[in-house]
């Protein structure tokens, strides 16, 4: 094999080829990180439930962890987050303040209801002290294109934790939402247990694309040298 690389093509080929390989390796690293994150979330959801103080002590590591709370719902300050169910039908998620025995408050996403049940008088409301299990979540902030809330009807278009707490005068113990588990509610509504671990994981496809581009560039580079008689067996 005789190979006499040309200076000009080689000067642009080497850095571009290295960048493409680097991007492919980076995507492989991201793939392993994402798989580990998903495994951690799933493990947290089936781990023994934590108390409020235990979850707060864990910080970010408490994400998707089951918690157990004792207290009562303040049904007079429900908020409704408009979204769709798994079949695309419009629904509301019911977010209700939960007052613990020591007076601290959390916001619990009790699950979804059909739009016809937004009026709390159409549903059986939980009364008295209750034991609640749910998933510890830090909600995403509203996006730039999220519609403004309908404050008159307590309807929101994102789980804007700070906005909901301010509008309803709720002093939250910590800035998280607890997603209630699938334990049936009185009257069967809302439907809890809506937590889904669904993180986009396209890193393998991206890695294949970057490595494929690197291989194509290498092929072009070598073919060019063959055509110039600079590469021969």
Protein backbone atom coordinates (compact mmCIF):
# COMPACT_ATOMS: atom_id res chain seq x y z
CA UNK A 1 0.00 0.00 0.00
CA UNK A 2 1.36 3.37 -1.03
CA UNK A 3 -0.27 6.50 0.39
CA UNK A 4 1.01 10.02 -0.24
CA UNK A 5 -1.53 12.37 1.36
CA UNK A 6 -2.05 15.78 -0.17
CA UNK A 7 -1.45 18.63 2.25
CA UNK A 8 -4.50 20.77 1.45
CA UNK A 9 -7.23 18.08 1.65
CA UNK A 10 -5.55 16.56 4.70
CA UNK A 11 -5.55 19.87 6.58
CA UNK A 12 -9.33 20.16 6.38
CA UNK A 13 -10.04 16.40 6.61
CA UNK A 14 -8.27 15.71 9.92
CA UNK A 15 -10.07 18.29 12.12
CA UNK A 16 -13.49 17.63 10.55
CA UNK A 17 -13.06 13.87 10.89
CA UNK A 18 -11.96 14.29 14.52
CA UNK A 19 -14.99 16.49 15.27
CA UNK A 20 -17.40 13.95 13.77
CA UNK A 21 -15.84 11.12 15.76
CA UNK A 22 -15.93 13.26 18.90
CA UNK A 23 -19.63 13.99 18.43
CA UNK A 24 -20.33 10.28 18.00
CA UNK A 25 -18.42 9.39 21.18
CA UNK A 26 -20.23 12.19 23.05
CA UNK A 27 -23.60 10.76 22.01
CA UNK A 28 -22.57 7.30 23.23
CA UNK A 29 -21.66 8.86 26.59
CA UNK A 30 -25.01 10.65 26.68
CA UNK A 31 -26.75 7.35 25.88
CA UNK A 32 -25.22 5.64 28.92
CA UNK A 33 -26.03 8.67 31.10
CA UNK A 34 -29.67 8.65 29.94
CA UNK A 35 -30.06 4.91 30.51
CA UNK A 36 -28.64 5.31 34.01
CA UNK A 37 -31.02 8.20 34.73
CA UNK A 38 -34.05 6.20 33.58
CA UNK A 39 -32.96 3.22 35.70
CA UNK A 40 -32.55 5.50 38.73
CA UNK A 41 -36.02 7.00 38.24
CA UNK A 42 -37.65 3.58 37.96
CA UNK A 43 -35.78 2.37 41.05
CA UNK A 44 -36.90 5.42 43.04
CA UNK A 45 -40.55 4.81 42.14
CA UNK A 46 -40.52 1.31 43.65
CA UNK A 47 -38.29 2.10 46.65
CA UNK A 48 -39.83 2.35 50.15
CA UNK A 49 -41.69 5.66 50.56
CA UNK A 50 -40.00 8.62 52.22
CA UNK A 51 -41.34 11.26 54.57
CA UNK A 52 -41.36 14.92 53.55
CA UNK A 53 -38.22 15.67 55.56
CA UNK A 54 -36.38 12.64 54.18
CA UNK A 55 -37.21 13.66 50.60
CA UNK A 56 -36.14 17.26 51.19
CA UNK A 57 -32.83 16.05 52.62
CA UNK A 58 -32.12 14.10 49.41
CA UNK A 59 -32.47 17.21 47.24
CA UNK A 60 -32.45 16.46 43.51
CA UNK A 61 -31.94 12.74 44.22
CA UNK A 62 -35.53 12.59 45.51
CA UNK A 63 -36.91 13.07 42.00
CA UNK A 64 -39.43 10.31 41.13
CA UNK A 65 -39.21 8.90 44.65
CA UNK A 66 -42.36 7.70 46.39
CA UNK A 67 -43.33 9.73 49.48
CA UNK A 68 -45.90 9.11 52.21
CA UNK A 69 -47.84 12.04 53.69
CA UNK A 70 -50.47 12.40 56.41
CA UNK A 71 -52.82 15.37 56.43
CA UNK A 72 -55.94 16.75 54.81
CA UNK A 73 -56.87 18.23 51.45
CA UNK A 74 -57.92 21.88 51.21
CA UNK A 75 -60.58 21.32 48.55
CA UNK A 76 -61.52 25.01 48.47
CA UNK A 77 -58.34 25.87 46.59
CA UNK A 78 -58.25 23.40 43.71
CA UNK A 79 -56.41 24.35 40.52
CA UNK A 80 -57.00 22.70 37.14
CA UNK A 81 -54.27 22.08 34.57
CA UNK A 82 -55.65 21.59 31.07
CA UNK A 83 -54.06 18.77 29.08
CA UNK A 84 -55.04 15.60 27.17
CA UNK A 85 -55.21 11.97 28.20
CA UNK A 86 -53.52 9.03 26.48
CA UNK A 87 -56.16 9.01 23.73
CA UNK A 88 -55.96 12.74 23.07
CA UNK A 89 -59.20 13.68 24.85
CA UNK A 90 -59.19 17.00 26.77
CA UNK A 91 -58.93 16.57 30.55
CA UNK A 92 -57.93 18.53 33.62
CA UNK A 93 -55.38 17.52 36.21
CA UNK A 94 -56.63 18.47 39.68
CA UNK A 95 -53.98 20.12 41.86
CA UNK A 96 -55.02 20.45 45.51
CA UNK A 97 -53.17 21.81 48.55
CA UNK A 98 -52.45 19.12 51.14
CA UNK A 99 -52.02 20.38 54.70
CA UNK A 100 -49.77 18.24 56.88
CA UNK A 101 -50.27 17.76 60.58
CA UNK A 102 -47.65 20.40 61.40
CA UNK A 103 -49.35 22.98 59.17
CA UNK A 104 -46.93 22.75 56.24
CA UNK A 105 -48.51 22.55 52.77
CA UNK A 106 -47.70 20.72 49.56
CA UNK A 107 -49.43 20.73 46.19
CA UNK A 108 -50.70 17.33 45.12
CA UNK A 109 -51.60 16.42 41.55
CA UNK A 110 -54.45 14.06 42.35
CA UNK A 111 -54.82 12.87 38.74
CA UNK A 112 -57.08 13.78 35.85
CA UNK A 113 -60.81 14.34 35.42
CA UNK A 114 -62.93 14.80 32.28
CA UNK A 115 -63.74 18.42 31.49
CA UNK A 116 -67.35 17.83 32.52
CA UNK A 117 -66.23 17.31 36.14
CA UNK A 118 -64.22 20.48 36.62
CA UNK A 119 -66.86 21.89 38.95
CA UNK A 120 -65.97 20.35 42.35
CA UNK A 121 -69.69 20.05 43.16
CA UNK A 122 -69.92 17.30 40.53
CA UNK A 123 -67.40 15.14 42.41
CA UNK A 124 -67.08 13.47 45.80
CA UNK A 125 -64.42 15.40 47.70
CA UNK A 126 -62.05 13.76 50.21
CA UNK A 127 -62.71 14.83 53.79
CA UNK A 128 -60.79 14.50 57.04
CA UNK A 129 -57.28 13.25 57.63
CA UNK A 130 -55.84 10.99 54.95
CA UNK A 131 -52.74 8.98 54.17
CA UNK A 132 -51.45 9.85 50.70
CA UNK A 133 -48.75 8.18 48.61
CA UNK A 134 -47.29 9.99 45.63
CA UNK A 135 -44.27 10.64 43.43
CA UNK A 136 -41.96 13.57 44.22
CA UNK A 137 -41.61 15.79 41.14
CA UNK A 138 -40.04 19.12 40.31
CA UNK A 139 -42.33 20.43 37.56
CA UNK A 140 -41.06 22.10 34.40
CA UNK A 141 -41.51 25.83 34.12
CA UNK A 142 -44.08 27.20 31.65
CA UNK A 143 -42.69 27.74 28.17
CA UNK A 144 -42.62 30.94 26.19
CA UNK A 145 -45.72 29.86 24.27
CA UNK A 146 -47.74 28.57 27.25
CA UNK A 147 -51.12 30.39 27.31
CA UNK A 148 -51.86 32.66 30.25
CA UNK A 149 -53.96 31.04 32.99
CA UNK A 150 -57.67 31.61 33.37
CA UNK A 151 -57.53 32.86 36.94
CA UNK A 152 -61.28 33.35 37.20
CA UNK A 153 -61.82 29.61 36.75
CA UNK A 154 -58.49 28.44 38.26
CA UNK A 155 -57.48 26.90 34.92
CA UNK A 156 -53.80 26.66 33.99
CA UNK A 157 -52.02 25.34 30.91
CA UNK A 158 -48.85 24.19 32.69
CA UNK A 159 -48.04 23.07 36.20
CA UNK A 160 -46.76 26.52 37.09
CA UNK A 161 -46.03 25.76 40.71
CA UNK A 162 -45.05 29.29 41.73
CA UNK A 163 -47.96 30.86 39.86
CA UNK A 164 -50.57 28.48 41.28
CA UNK A 165 -49.26 28.89 44.83
CA UNK A 166 -49.30 32.68 44.52
CA UNK A 167 -52.76 32.82 42.95
CA UNK A 168 -54.30 30.57 45.62
CA UNK A 169 -52.34 31.97 48.57
CA UNK A 170 -50.51 28.71 49.33
CA UNK A 171 -47.25 28.82 51.31
CA UNK A 172 -45.54 25.66 50.07
CA UNK A 173 -43.16 23.74 52.31
CA UNK A 174 -40.97 23.00 49.28
CA UNK A 175 -41.26 23.78 45.54
CA UNK A 176 -42.38 20.35 44.32
CA UNK A 177 -45.55 18.65 43.17
CA UNK A 178 -46.56 15.26 44.51
CA UNK A 179 -48.17 13.09 41.84
CA UNK A 180 -50.70 10.89 43.63
CA UNK A 181 -50.50 7.15 43.11
CA UNK A 182 -53.30 5.03 41.66
CA UNK A 183 -55.17 4.56 44.95
CA UNK A 184 -58.87 5.04 44.03
CA UNK A 185 -60.40 8.37 45.05
CA UNK A 186 -63.94 8.78 46.41
CA UNK A 187 -66.33 8.52 43.47
CA UNK A 188 -63.46 7.21 41.29
CA UNK A 189 -62.33 10.73 40.31
CA UNK A 190 -59.68 12.04 39.83
CA UNK A 191 -57.72 9.16 38.31
CA UNK A 192 -54.30 9.09 39.95
CA UNK A 193 -51.23 7.07 39.06
CA UNK A 194 -50.37 9.20 36.03
CA UNK A 195 -46.61 9.37 36.56
CA UNK A 196 -44.76 8.26 33.44
CA UNK A 197 -40.99 8.01 33.00
CA UNK A 198 -40.70 8.97 29.35
CA UNK A 199 -37.38 10.68 28.71
CA UNK A 200 -36.40 11.13 25.05
CA UNK A 201 -33.50 8.80 24.29
CA UNK A 202 -32.35 9.27 20.70
CA UNK A 203 -28.64 9.33 21.47
CA UNK A 204 -27.89 6.01 19.74
CA UNK A 205 -29.41 7.25 16.48
CA UNK A 206 -27.44 10.47 16.73
CA UNK A 207 -24.23 8.50 17.39
CA UNK A 208 -24.87 6.37 14.30
CA UNK A 209 -25.39 9.52 12.22
CA UNK A 210 -22.14 11.15 13.38
CA UNK A 211 -20.10 7.95 12.94
CA UNK A 212 -21.75 7.43 9.54
CA UNK A 213 -20.77 10.93 8.43
CA UNK A 214 -17.22 10.32 9.65
CA UNK A 215 -17.05 7.06 7.65
CA UNK A 216 -18.45 8.79 4.54
CA UNK A 217 -15.93 11.61 4.87
CA UNK A 218 -13.10 9.09 5.20
CA UNK A 219 -14.34 7.30 2.08
CA UNK A 220 -14.43 10.54 0.10
CA UNK A 221 -10.97 11.51 1.34
CA UNK A 222 -9.46 8.17 0.32
CA UNK A 223 -11.31 8.06 -3.01
CA UNK A 224 -9.99 11.52 -3.83
CA UNK A 225 -6.43 10.36 -3.24
CA UNK A 226 -7.02 7.25 -5.36
CA UNK A 227 -8.26 9.45 -8.21
CA UNK A 228 -5.08 11.52 -7.96
CA UNK A 229 -2.84 8.46 -7.92
CA UNK A 230 -1.78 9.19 -4.34
CA UNK A 231 -3.21 5.98 -2.92
CA UNK A 232 -2.61 2.62 -4.49
CA UNK A 233 -2.15 -0.99 -3.47
